[in-house]
Amino acid sequence: MLGFCAQAMFAARFWVQWIASEKAGKSIVPMLFWYLSIFGSLLLLVYSIYRKDPVFILGQATGIFIYTRNLYLIKREKEAMVDG
């Protein structure tokens, strides 16, 4: 059940991105995309550890780092605009 819920959360990020892009009339990546990516990956990481799947573990752990880094870069850019 955890695996299905985690995969649903991870997949939902694409729906969020698609809907936001359609509304904006251009390709955008909303903040919710990154949060769903992180939480979905964390849950999938837990599931992959439970399943003892090293390929899946490595993939999810790497993704979590990338998604978190993107949120940091977005935050830093917003702070620079305010200070700027």
Protein backbone atom coordinates (compact mmCIF):
# COMPACT_ATOMS: atom_id res chain seq x y z
CA MET A 1 0.00 0.00 0.00
CA LEU A 2 2.88 2.36 0.83
CA GLY A 3 4.38 1.82 -2.62
CA PHE A 4 1.10 2.63 -4.37
CA CYS A 5 0.51 5.78 -2.29
CA ALA A 6 4.09 6.93 -2.79
CA GLN A 7 3.91 6.36 -6.54
CA ALA A 8 0.59 8.22 -6.74
CA MET A 9 2.08 11.22 -4.92
CA PHE A 10 5.16 11.16 -7.12
CA ALA A 11 3.06 10.92 -10.30
CA ALA A 12 0.73 13.73 -9.16
CA ARG A 13 3.54 16.22 -9.61
CA PHE A 14 3.24 15.86 -13.39
CA TRP A 15 -0.48 16.68 -13.26
CA VAL A 16 0.29 19.74 -11.13
CA GLN A 17 2.96 20.90 -13.59
CA TRP A 18 0.77 20.29 -16.62
CA ILE A 19 -2.26 22.13 -15.18
CA ALA A 20 -0.11 25.09 -14.06
CA SER A 21 1.51 25.31 -17.49
CA GLU A 22 -1.85 25.18 -19.27
CA LYS A 23 -3.20 27.97 -17.07
CA ALA A 24 -0.10 30.11 -17.67
CA GLY A 25 0.05 29.35 -21.38
CA LYS A 26 3.73 28.44 -21.06
CA SER A 27 5.85 25.77 -19.44
CA ILE A 28 6.34 26.44 -15.73
CA VAL A 29 7.28 24.37 -12.72
CA PRO A 30 5.28 25.34 -9.62
CA MET A 31 6.65 24.95 -6.08
CA LEU A 32 4.13 22.18 -5.41
CA PHE A 33 5.89 20.11 -8.09
CA TRP A 34 9.10 20.13 -6.04
CA TYR A 35 7.34 19.36 -2.75
CA LEU A 36 5.47 16.43 -4.32
CA SER A 37 8.77 15.28 -5.80
CA ILE A 38 10.48 15.33 -2.39
CA PHE A 39 7.67 13.71 -0.40
CA GLY A 40 6.91 11.16 -3.11
CA SER A 41 10.60 10.27 -3.36
CA LEU A 42 10.95 9.98 0.41
CA LEU A 43 8.04 7.56 0.55
CA LEU A 44 9.40 5.63 -2.43
CA LEU A 45 12.80 5.53 -0.73
CA VAL A 46 11.24 4.00 2.38
CA TYR A 47 9.45 1.47 0.18
CA SER A 48 12.63 0.64 -1.76
CA ILE A 49 14.55 0.14 1.49
CA TYR A 50 11.78 -2.19 2.68
CA ARG A 51 12.05 -4.08 -0.63
CA LYS A 52 15.87 -4.06 -0.38
CA ASP A 53 16.23 -2.83 -3.96
CA PRO A 54 19.62 -1.08 -4.30
CA VAL A 55 18.88 0.35 -7.76
CA PHE A 56 15.61 1.88 -6.57
CA ILE A 57 17.27 3.12 -3.35
CA LEU A 58 20.05 4.89 -5.27
CA GLY A 59 17.61 6.44 -7.74
CA GLN A 60 15.29 7.82 -5.08
CA ALA A 61 18.09 9.05 -2.81
CA THR A 62 19.68 10.90 -5.74
CA GLY A 63 16.36 12.43 -6.75
CA ILE A 64 15.69 13.72 -3.23
CA PHE A 65 19.01 15.58 -3.30
CA ILE A 66 18.23 17.16 -6.68
CA TYR A 67 14.68 18.20 -5.72
CA THR A 68 15.88 19.71 -2.44
CA ARG A 69 18.65 21.57 -4.25
CA ASN A 70 16.11 23.04 -6.69
CA LEU A 71 13.99 24.33 -3.80
CA TYR A 72 17.09 25.90 -2.26
CA LEU A 73 18.01 27.61 -5.54
CA ILE A 74 14.45 28.94 -5.94
CA LYS A 75 14.49 30.28 -2.37
CA ARG A 76 17.90 31.90 -2.89
CA GLU A 77 16.72 33.56 -6.11
CA LYS A 78 13.60 34.94 -4.43
CA GLU A 79 15.68 36.32 -1.53
CA ALA A 80 18.09 37.97 -3.99
CA MET A 81 15.16 39.66 -5.75
CA VAL A 82 13.85 41.01 -2.42
CA ASP A 83 17.30 42.22 -1.32
CA GLY A 84 18.16 43.38 -4.80
